[in-house]
Amino acid sequence: MRKLVMLAALIAPIALAEGQVKVEAHNLLKLPSRTGSLSLDRVEVADYATLLIPAGVTELRIGELRMGREARLGIAPSDKTFRLEVQRGEIGTGSHITASGAAGSMSKPASSGRSLDLRLVDVQVGEMTVDVRGGIGAPGHPGLAGADGDAAGCVWGEASRGWDGQPGGDGQAGGAGGQVRLQVPESFPVERVRVRLEGGVGGAAGEGGAGGQGGAGKGCLLYQADGARSGRDGQSGRSGAAGSTGSFKVVRF
């Protein structure tokens, strides 16, 4: 995979200089990082191939787009709307335009699906999916385990009980689904476009920490020191809330 990405980085600037990008079947190509608008004369993504578009690109204009079976345009997450305009072309059956949100982590929340403004002028479509689902929420942190109690001794007597485990953290909320605006001619078969707008699943609840072990008993010369009870396990946190659903609007021209 690393060799494939390195090759992509070498090929992409040459292809862009000629106004053309081609991704061979079953391969992956990432456009070079840049910001703002990008125009290409021709883009070809063969069967089961993927073209990745970096987060800094906010507008991509394509003169001719050819996508094979199960081909994919992967658009990196961003809070800025991504606009795609295609003058002519063909999108094969099972193809995807994916702009789903990134999963959350302990340091940042899940991101929303990227908002898309798609304009397809003279494009034939077999069957395609536009995916702007929100990212999955980060899981709650696990609770700390309780400390073990001290064992009994013949000098100090009874054992101490184990400490209770700490409660687990709550899962974080999933990201919201994105907003999709599709501009197509009157004759365009919108029913062939499946749009995924669901908010991301909330993060899993963190598990409670295990209770500490009670101190062990001890048999002494003059008496028997009993062992102590173990601590209680901590309670699990709550699952995170699902992100809100996005929206889909069709504009005919």
C-alpha atoms as a PDB file:
ATOM      1  CA  MET A   1       0.000   0.000   0.000  1.00  0.00           C
ATOM      2  CA  ARG A   2       2.813   2.444   0.861  1.00  0.00           C
ATOM      3  CA  LYS A   3       4.406   1.852  -2.550  1.00  0.00           C
ATOM      4  CA  LEU A   4       1.025   2.454  -4.165  1.00  0.00           C
ATOM      5  CA  VAL A   5       0.581   5.778  -2.386  1.00  0.00           C
ATOM      6  CA  MET A   6       4.128   6.860  -3.293  1.00  0.00           C
ATOM      7  CA  LEU A   7       3.462   6.003  -6.916  1.00  0.00           C
ATOM      8  CA  ALA A   8       0.232   7.989  -6.783  1.00  0.00           C
ATOM      9  CA  ALA A   9       2.092  11.020  -5.465  1.00  0.00           C
ATOM     10  CA  LEU A  10       4.526  10.821  -8.391  1.00  0.00           C
ATOM     11  CA  ILE A  11       1.928  10.292 -11.091  1.00  0.00           C
ATOM     12  CA  ALA A  12      -0.698  12.820 -10.017  1.00  0.00           C
ATOM     13  CA  PRO A  13       1.255  16.063 -10.743  1.00  0.00           C
ATOM     14  CA  ILE A  14       2.102  14.837 -14.274  1.00  0.00           C
ATOM     15  CA  ALA A  15      -1.498  13.932 -14.972  1.00  0.00           C
ATOM     16  CA  LEU A  16      -2.782  17.254 -13.668  1.00  0.00           C
ATOM     17  CA  ALA A  17      -0.364  19.152 -15.866  1.00  0.00           C
ATOM     18  CA  GLU A  18      -2.025  17.550 -18.887  1.00  0.00           C
ATOM     19  CA  GLY A  19      -5.518  18.171 -17.518  1.00  0.00           C
ATOM     20  CA  GLN A  20      -6.186  14.447 -17.291  1.00  0.00           C
ATOM     21  CA  VAL A  21      -6.311  11.867 -14.523  1.00  0.00           C
ATOM     22  CA  LYS A  22      -6.600   8.120 -15.036  1.00  0.00           C
ATOM     23  CA  VAL A  23      -6.829   5.466 -12.328  1.00  0.00           C
ATOM     24  CA  GLU A  24      -6.323   1.913 -13.517  1.00  0.00           C
ATOM     25  CA  ALA A  25      -8.633  -0.905 -12.411  1.00  0.00           C
ATOM     26  CA  HIS A  26      -8.274  -1.982  -8.756  1.00  0.00           C
ATOM     27  CA  ASN A  27      -5.835   0.867  -8.059  1.00  0.00           C
ATOM     28  CA  LEU A  28      -5.930   3.956  -5.863  1.00  0.00           C
ATOM     29  CA  LEU A  29      -4.758   7.459  -6.724  1.00  0.00           C
ATOM     30  CA  LYS A  30      -4.738  10.554  -4.517  1.00  0.00           C
ATOM     31  CA  LEU A  31      -4.699  14.008  -6.035  1.00  0.00           C
ATOM     32  CA  PRO A  32      -1.914  16.257  -4.696  1.00  0.00           C
ATOM     33  CA  SER A  33      -2.796  18.468  -1.742  1.00  0.00           C
ATOM     34  CA  ARG A  34      -4.017  21.889  -2.747  1.00  0.00           C
ATOM     35  CA  THR A  35      -6.694  24.405  -1.788  1.00  0.00           C
ATOM     36  CA  GLY A  36      -9.566  25.967  -3.671  1.00  0.00           C
ATOM     37  CA  SER A  37     -10.760  25.138  -7.176  1.00  0.00           C
ATOM     38  CA  LEU A  38      -9.432  22.539  -9.632  1.00  0.00           C
ATOM     39  CA  SER A  39     -10.371  21.999 -13.291  1.00  0.00           C
ATOM     40  CA  LEU A  40      -9.647  18.836 -15.273  1.00  0.00           C
ATOM     41  CA  ASP A  41     -10.438  18.033 -18.904  1.00  0.00           C
ATOM     42  CA  ARG A  42     -10.899  14.302 -18.393  1.00  0.00           C
ATOM     43  CA  VAL A  43     -11.048  11.960 -15.410  1.00  0.00           C
ATOM     44  CA  GLU A  44     -11.207   8.193 -15.816  1.00  0.00           C
ATOM     45  CA  VAL A  45     -11.654   5.879 -12.831  1.00  0.00           C
ATOM     46  CA  ALA A  46     -11.681   2.271 -14.013  1.00  0.00           C
ATOM     47  CA  ASP A  47     -13.535  -0.689 -12.492  1.00  0.00           C
ATOM     48  CA  TYR A  48     -13.035  -1.036  -8.718  1.00  0.00           C
ATOM     49  CA  ALA A  49     -10.581   1.879  -8.680  1.00  0.00           C
ATOM     50  CA  THR A  50     -10.578   4.879  -6.320  1.00  0.00           C
ATOM     51  CA  LEU A  51      -9.668   8.532  -6.829  1.00  0.00           C
ATOM     52  CA  LEU A  52      -9.094  10.395  -3.546  1.00  0.00           C
ATOM     53  CA  ILE A  53      -9.693  14.142  -3.357  1.00  0.00           C
ATOM     54  CA  PRO A  54      -7.912  16.014  -0.513  1.00  0.00           C
ATOM     55  CA  ALA A  55      -9.787  18.118   2.029  1.00  0.00           C
ATOM     56  CA  GLY A  56      -8.408  21.425   0.733  1.00  0.00           C
ATOM     57  CA  VAL A  57     -10.128  21.112  -2.651  1.00  0.00           C
ATOM     58  CA  THR A  58     -13.517  22.827  -2.443  1.00  0.00           C
ATOM     59  CA  GLU A  59     -14.477  22.754  -6.127  1.00  0.00           C
ATOM     60  CA  LEU A  60     -13.713  20.259  -8.891  1.00  0.00           C
ATOM     61  CA  ARG A  61     -14.775  20.906 -12.469  1.00  0.00           C
ATOM     62  CA  ILE A  62     -14.498  17.996 -14.904  1.00  0.00           C
ATOM     63  CA  GLY A  63     -15.049  18.208 -18.641  1.00  0.00           C
ATOM     64  CA  GLU A  64     -15.504  14.460 -19.088  1.00  0.00           C
ATOM     65  CA  LEU A  65     -15.875  11.864 -16.323  1.00  0.00           C
ATOM     66  CA  ARG A  66     -15.754   8.106 -16.886  1.00  0.00           C
ATOM     67  CA  MET A  67     -16.327   5.840 -13.896  1.00  0.00           C
ATOM     68  CA  GLY A  68     -16.339   2.069 -14.291  1.00  0.00           C
ATOM     69  CA  ARG A  69     -18.163  -0.553 -12.294  1.00  0.00           C
ATOM     70  CA  GLU A  70     -17.789  -0.093  -8.513  1.00  0.00           C
ATOM     71  CA  ALA A  71     -15.497   2.896  -9.101  1.00  0.00           C
ATOM     72  CA  ARG A  72     -15.200   5.443  -6.330  1.00  0.00           C
ATOM     73  CA  LEU A  73     -14.566   9.142  -5.796  1.00  0.00           C
ATOM     74  CA  GLY A  74     -13.459   9.557  -2.180  1.00  0.00           C
ATOM     75  CA  ILE A  75     -13.729  13.108  -0.837  1.00  0.00           C
ATOM     76  CA  ALA A  76     -11.865  13.888   2.390  1.00  0.00           C
ATOM     77  CA  PRO A  77     -13.862  15.221   5.387  1.00  0.00           C
ATOM     78  CA  SER A  78     -14.061  18.988   5.829  1.00  0.00           C
ATOM     79  CA  ASP A  79     -16.482  21.554   7.209  1.00  0.00           C
ATOM     80  CA  LYS A  80     -16.447  23.324   3.808  1.00  0.00           C
ATOM     81  CA  THR A  81     -18.942  22.405   1.096  1.00  0.00           C
ATOM     82  CA  PHE A  82     -17.484  20.484  -1.845  1.00  0.00           C
ATOM     83  CA  ARG A  83     -18.787  21.368  -5.323  1.00  0.00           C
ATOM     84  CA  LEU A  84     -18.460  18.900  -8.204  1.00  0.00           C
ATOM     85  CA  GLU A  85     -19.456  19.908 -11.741  1.00  0.00           C
ATOM     86  CA  VAL A  86     -19.340  17.394 -14.595  1.00  0.00           C
ATOM     87  CA  GLN A  87     -20.147  18.463 -18.145  1.00  0.00           C
ATOM     88  CA  ARG A  88     -20.451  15.013 -19.715  1.00  0.00           C
ATOM     89  CA  GLY A  89     -19.630  11.430 -18.974  1.00  0.00           C
ATOM     90  CA  GLU A  90     -20.783   8.044 -17.743  1.00  0.00           C
ATOM     91  CA  ILE A  91     -20.981   6.631 -14.239  1.00  0.00           C
ATOM     92  CA  GLY A  92     -20.987   2.834 -14.069  1.00  0.00           C
ATOM     93  CA  THR A  93     -23.225   0.607 -11.988  1.00  0.00           C
ATOM     94  CA  GLY A  94     -22.295   0.405  -8.309  1.00  0.00           C
ATOM     95  CA  SER A  95     -20.114   3.513  -8.321  1.00  0.00           C
ATOM     96  CA  HIS A  96     -19.764   5.702  -5.229  1.00  0.00           C
ATOM     97  CA  ILE A  97     -19.173   9.321  -4.400  1.00  0.00           C
ATOM     98  CA  THR A  98     -18.118   9.120  -0.768  1.00  0.00           C
ATOM     99  CA  ALA A  99     -17.782  12.113   1.565  1.00  0.00           C
ATOM    100  CA  SER A 100     -18.573  10.563   4.936  1.00  0.00           C
ATOM    101  CA  GLY A 101     -17.362  12.062   8.211  1.00  0.00           C
ATOM    102  CA  ALA A 102     -14.328  10.892  10.134  1.00  0.00           C
ATOM    103  CA  ALA A 103     -14.712   8.774  13.271  1.00  0.00           C
ATOM    104  CA  GLY A 104     -14.223  10.499  16.599  1.00  0.00           C
ATOM    105  CA  SER A 105     -11.339   9.908  18.983  1.00  0.00           C
ATOM    106  CA  MET A 106     -10.431  10.799  22.549  1.00  0.00           C
ATOM    107  CA  SER A 107      -8.975  14.095  21.315  1.00  0.00           C
ATOM    108  CA  LYS A 108     -11.647  15.209  18.830  1.00  0.00           C
ATOM    109  CA  PRO A 109     -15.340  14.555  18.133  1.00  0.00           C
ATOM    110  CA  ALA A 110     -16.696  12.728  15.122  1.00  0.00           C
ATOM    111  CA  SER A 111     -17.038  14.972  12.079  1.00  0.00           C
ATOM    112  CA  SER A 112     -20.142  15.498   9.996  1.00  0.00           C
ATOM    113  CA  GLY A 113     -20.542  14.131   6.514  1.00  0.00           C
ATOM    114  CA  ARG A 114     -19.273  16.692   4.029  1.00  0.00           C
ATOM    115  CA  SER A 115     -21.907  18.829   2.319  1.00  0.00           C
ATOM    116  CA  LEU A 116     -21.955  18.286  -1.448  1.00  0.00           C
ATOM    117  CA  ASP A 117     -23.179  20.420  -4.332  1.00  0.00           C
ATOM    118  CA  LEU A 118     -23.242  18.146  -7.389  1.00  0.00           C
ATOM    119  CA  ARG A 119     -24.009  19.386 -10.908  1.00  0.00           C
ATOM    120  CA  LEU A 120     -24.243  16.726 -13.625  1.00  0.00           C
ATOM    121  CA  VAL A 121     -24.972  18.223 -17.049  1.00  0.00           C
ATOM    122  CA  ASP A 122     -24.857  15.415 -19.622  1.00  0.00           C
ATOM    123  CA  VAL A 123     -23.991  12.333 -17.591  1.00  0.00           C
ATOM    124  CA  GLN A 124     -25.315   8.793 -18.027  1.00  0.00           C
ATOM    125  CA  VAL A 125     -25.783   6.898 -14.777  1.00  0.00           C
ATOM    126  CA  GLY A 126     -26.180   3.163 -14.296  1.00  0.00           C
ATOM    127  CA  GLU A 127     -26.650   3.090 -10.530  1.00  0.00           C
ATOM    128  CA  MET A 128     -24.647   5.057  -7.984  1.00  0.00           C
ATOM    129  CA  THR A 129     -24.451   5.883  -4.290  1.00  0.00           C
ATOM    130  CA  VAL A 130     -23.684   9.236  -2.697  1.00  0.00           C
ATOM    131  CA  ASP A 131     -22.515   8.696   0.883  1.00  0.00           C
ATOM    132  CA  VAL A 132     -22.391  11.614   3.316  1.00  0.00           C
ATOM    133  CA  ARG A 133     -22.992   9.738   6.565  1.00  0.00           C
ATOM    134  CA  GLY A 134     -21.646  11.209   9.768  1.00  0.00           C
ATOM    135  CA  GLY A 135     -18.605   9.758  11.481  1.00  0.00           C
ATOM    136  CA  ILE A 136     -18.890   7.232  14.326  1.00  0.00           C
ATOM    137  CA  GLY A 137     -18.638   8.703  17.818  1.00  0.00           C
ATOM    138  CA  ALA A 138     -15.636   7.937  19.984  1.00  0.00           C
ATOM    139  CA  PRO A 139     -16.132   5.208  22.607  1.00  0.00           C
ATOM    140  CA  GLY A 140     -16.243   6.100  26.288  1.00  0.00           C
ATOM    141  CA  HIS A 141     -13.069   5.560  28.259  1.00  0.00           C
ATOM    142  CA  PRO A 142     -12.922   2.443  30.473  1.00  0.00           C
ATOM    143  CA  GLY A 143     -13.165   2.978  34.226  1.00  0.00           C
ATOM    144  CA  LEU A 144     -10.108   2.448  36.397  1.00  0.00           C
ATOM    145  CA  ALA A 145      -9.939  -0.766  38.390  1.00  0.00           C
ATOM    146  CA  GLY A 146     -10.259  -0.487  42.149  1.00  0.00           C
ATOM    147  CA  ALA A 147      -7.199  -1.006  44.311  1.00  0.00           C
ATOM    148  CA  ASP A 148      -6.843  -4.265  46.221  1.00  0.00           C
ATOM    149  CA  GLY A 149      -7.356  -4.275  49.960  1.00  0.00           C
ATOM    150  CA  ASP A 150      -4.566  -4.979  52.422  1.00  0.00           C
ATOM    151  CA  ALA A 151      -4.175  -8.495  53.727  1.00  0.00           C
ATOM    152  CA  ALA A 152      -4.780  -9.222  57.417  1.00  0.00           C
ATOM    153  CA  GLY A 153      -1.847  -9.440  59.799  1.00  0.00           C
ATOM    154  CA  CYS A 154      -1.316 -10.896  63.233  1.00  0.00           C
ATOM    155  CA  VAL A 155      -0.281  -7.444  64.548  1.00  0.00           C
ATOM    156  CA  TRP A 156      -2.862  -5.148  62.935  1.00  0.00           C
ATOM    157  CA  GLY A 157      -5.731  -7.608  62.757  1.00  0.00           C
ATOM    158  CA  GLU A 158      -8.445  -7.574  60.114  1.00  0.00           C
ATOM    159  CA  ALA A 159      -7.978  -7.194  56.360  1.00  0.00           C
ATOM    160  CA  SER A 160      -9.277  -4.158  54.443  1.00  0.00           C
ATOM    161  CA  ARG A 161     -11.873  -4.475  51.683  1.00  0.00           C
ATOM    162  CA  GLY A 162     -11.068  -3.852  48.026  1.00  0.00           C
ATOM    163  CA  TRP A 163     -11.836  -0.449  46.540  1.00  0.00           C
ATOM    164  CA  ASP A 164     -14.724  -0.080  44.116  1.00  0.00           C
ATOM    165  CA  GLY A 165     -13.992   0.176  40.389  1.00  0.00           C
ATOM    166  CA  GLN A 166     -14.521   3.559  38.721  1.00  0.00           C
ATOM    167  CA  PRO A 167     -17.457   4.064  36.329  1.00  0.00           C
ATOM    168  CA  GLY A 168     -16.834   3.939  32.581  1.00  0.00           C
ATOM    169  CA  GLY A 169     -17.120   7.081  30.477  1.00  0.00           C
ATOM    170  CA  ASP A 170     -20.033   7.886  28.193  1.00  0.00           C
ATOM    171  CA  GLY A 171     -19.654   7.334  24.456  1.00  0.00           C
ATOM    172  CA  GLN A 172     -19.451  10.484  22.337  1.00  0.00           C
ATOM    173  CA  ALA A 173     -22.117  11.547  19.849  1.00  0.00           C
ATOM    174  CA  GLY A 174     -21.860  10.547  16.203  1.00  0.00           C
ATOM    175  CA  GLY A 175     -21.368  13.174  13.507  1.00  0.00           C
ATOM    176  CA  ALA A 176     -24.320  14.623  11.604  1.00  0.00           C
ATOM    177  CA  GLY A 177     -25.148  13.490   8.086  1.00  0.00           C
ATOM    178  CA  GLY A 178     -24.163  15.898   5.313  1.00  0.00           C
ATOM    179  CA  GLN A 179     -26.256  18.070   3.035  1.00  0.00           C
ATOM    180  CA  VAL A 180     -26.538  17.067  -0.639  1.00  0.00           C
ATOM    181  CA  ARG A 181     -27.761  19.313  -3.448  1.00  0.00           C
ATOM    182  CA  LEU A 182     -28.038  17.559  -6.814  1.00  0.00           C
ATOM    183  CA  GLN A 183     -28.455  19.661  -9.956  1.00  0.00           C
ATOM    184  CA  VAL A 184     -29.476  17.608 -13.005  1.00  0.00           C
ATOM    185  CA  PRO A 185     -31.453  17.969 -16.265  1.00  0.00           C
ATOM    186  CA  GLU A 186     -35.183  17.235 -16.344  1.00  0.00           C
ATOM    187  CA  SER A 187     -34.569  13.854 -17.981  1.00  0.00           C
ATOM    188  CA  PHE A 188     -32.005  12.648 -15.427  1.00  0.00           C
ATOM    189  CA  PRO A 189     -33.090   9.395 -13.630  1.00  0.00           C
ATOM    190  CA  VAL A 190     -32.769  10.513 -10.003  1.00  0.00           C
ATOM    191  CA  GLU A 191     -34.166   7.154  -8.848  1.00  0.00           C
ATOM    192  CA  ARG A 192     -30.832   5.578  -9.823  1.00  0.00           C
ATOM    193  CA  VAL A 193     -29.029   7.651  -7.214  1.00  0.00           C
ATOM    194  CA  ARG A 194     -29.007   6.303  -3.663  1.00  0.00           C
ATOM    195  CA  VAL A 195     -28.114   8.877  -1.033  1.00  0.00           C
ATOM    196  CA  ARG A 196     -26.862   7.907   2.448  1.00  0.00           C
ATOM    197  CA  LEU A 197     -27.635  10.737   4.871  1.00  0.00           C
ATOM    198  CA  GLU A 198     -27.629   8.978   8.255  1.00  0.00           C
ATOM    199  CA  GLY A 199     -25.932  10.492  11.241  1.00  0.00           C
ATOM    200  CA  GLY A 200     -23.022   8.558  12.659  1.00  0.00           C
ATOM    201  CA  VAL A 201     -23.600   5.896  15.295  1.00  0.00           C
ATOM    202  CA  GLY A 202     -22.887   7.052  18.830  1.00  0.00           C
ATOM    203  CA  GLY A 203     -19.763   5.786  20.542  1.00  0.00           C
ATOM    204  CA  ALA A 204     -19.907   2.642  22.639  1.00  0.00           C
ATOM    205  CA  ALA A 205     -20.211   2.995  26.398  1.00  0.00           C
ATOM    206  CA  GLY A 206     -17.026   2.637  28.393  1.00  0.00           C
ATOM    207  CA  GLU A 207     -16.880  -0.436  30.624  1.00  0.00           C
ATOM    208  CA  GLY A 208     -16.693   0.037  34.369  1.00  0.00           C
ATOM    209  CA  GLY A 209     -13.481  -0.808  36.161  1.00  0.00           C
ATOM    210  CA  ALA A 210     -13.197  -4.086  38.036  1.00  0.00           C
ATOM    211  CA  GLY A 211     -13.508  -3.941  41.786  1.00  0.00           C
ATOM    212  CA  GLY A 212     -10.338  -4.468  43.804  1.00  0.00           C
ATOM    213  CA  GLN A 213      -9.743  -7.787  45.527  1.00  0.00           C
ATOM    214  CA  GLY A 214     -10.423  -7.878  49.250  1.00  0.00           C
ATOM    215  CA  GLY A 215      -7.495  -8.384  51.573  1.00  0.00           C
ATOM    216  CA  ALA A 216      -6.688 -12.002  52.368  1.00  0.00           C
ATOM    217  CA  GLY A 217      -7.264 -13.523  55.787  1.00  0.00           C
ATOM    218  CA  LYS A 218      -4.534 -14.904  58.035  1.00  0.00           C
ATOM    219  CA  GLY A 219      -4.299 -17.592  60.637  1.00  0.00           C
ATOM    220  CA  CYS A 220      -2.499 -16.294  63.741  1.00  0.00           C
ATOM    221  CA  LEU A 221      -1.313 -17.976  66.913  1.00  0.00           C
ATOM    222  CA  LEU A 222      -4.062 -16.591  69.145  1.00  0.00           C
ATOM    223  CA  TYR A 223      -6.853 -15.833  66.640  1.00  0.00           C
ATOM    224  CA  GLN A 224      -8.024 -16.136  63.024  1.00  0.00           C
ATOM    225  CA  ALA A 225      -8.105 -12.897  60.947  1.00  0.00           C
ATOM    226  CA  ASP A 226     -10.834 -13.050  58.313  1.00  0.00           C
ATOM    227  CA  GLY A 227     -10.412 -11.871  54.741  1.00  0.00           C
ATOM    228  CA  ALA A 228     -12.264  -8.750  53.524  1.00  0.00           C
ATOM    229  CA  ARG A 229     -14.835  -8.304  50.788  1.00  0.00           C
ATOM    230  CA  SER A 230     -13.827  -7.327  47.275  1.00  0.00           C
ATOM    231  CA  GLY A 231     -14.853  -3.939  45.897  1.00  0.00           C
ATOM    232  CA  ARG A 232     -17.801  -3.518  43.556  1.00  0.00           C
ATOM    233  CA  ASP A 233     -17.296  -3.312  39.801  1.00  0.00           C
ATOM    234  CA  GLY A 234     -17.821   0.161  38.381  1.00  0.00           C
ATOM    235  CA  GLN A 235     -20.914   0.898  36.319  1.00  0.00           C
ATOM    236  CA  SER A 236     -20.678   1.115  32.546  1.00  0.00           C
ATOM    237  CA  GLY A 237     -21.137   4.508  30.920  1.00  0.00           C
ATOM    238  CA  ARG A 238     -23.911   5.383  28.486  1.00  0.00           C
ATOM    239  CA  SER A 239     -23.800   4.910  24.727  1.00  0.00           C
ATOM    240  CA  GLY A 240     -23.376   8.101  22.722  1.00  0.00           C
ATOM    241  CA  ALA A 241     -26.260   9.638  20.793  1.00  0.00           C
ATOM    242  CA  ALA A 242     -26.533   9.125  17.038  1.00  0.00           C
ATOM    243  CA  GLY A 243     -25.827  12.128  14.836  1.00  0.00           C
ATOM    244  CA  SER A 244     -28.693  13.939  13.118  1.00  0.00           C
ATOM    245  CA  THR A 245     -29.763  12.971   9.609  1.00  0.00           C
ATOM    246  CA  GLY A 246     -28.650  15.136   6.686  1.00  0.00           C
ATOM    247  CA  SER A 247     -30.757  16.420   3.781  1.00  0.00           C
ATOM    248  CA  PHE A 248     -31.116  15.806   0.042  1.00  0.00           C
ATOM    249  CA  LYS A 249     -32.402  18.310  -2.499  1.00  0.00           C
ATOM    250  CA  VAL A 250     -32.828  17.882  -6.244  1.00  0.00           C
ATOM    251  CA  VAL A 251     -32.753  20.903  -8.547  1.00  0.00           C
ATOM    252  CA  ARG A 252     -33.795  20.392 -12.170  1.00  0.00           C
ATOM    253  CA  PHE A 253     -32.555  22.596 -15.008  1.00  0.00           C
END
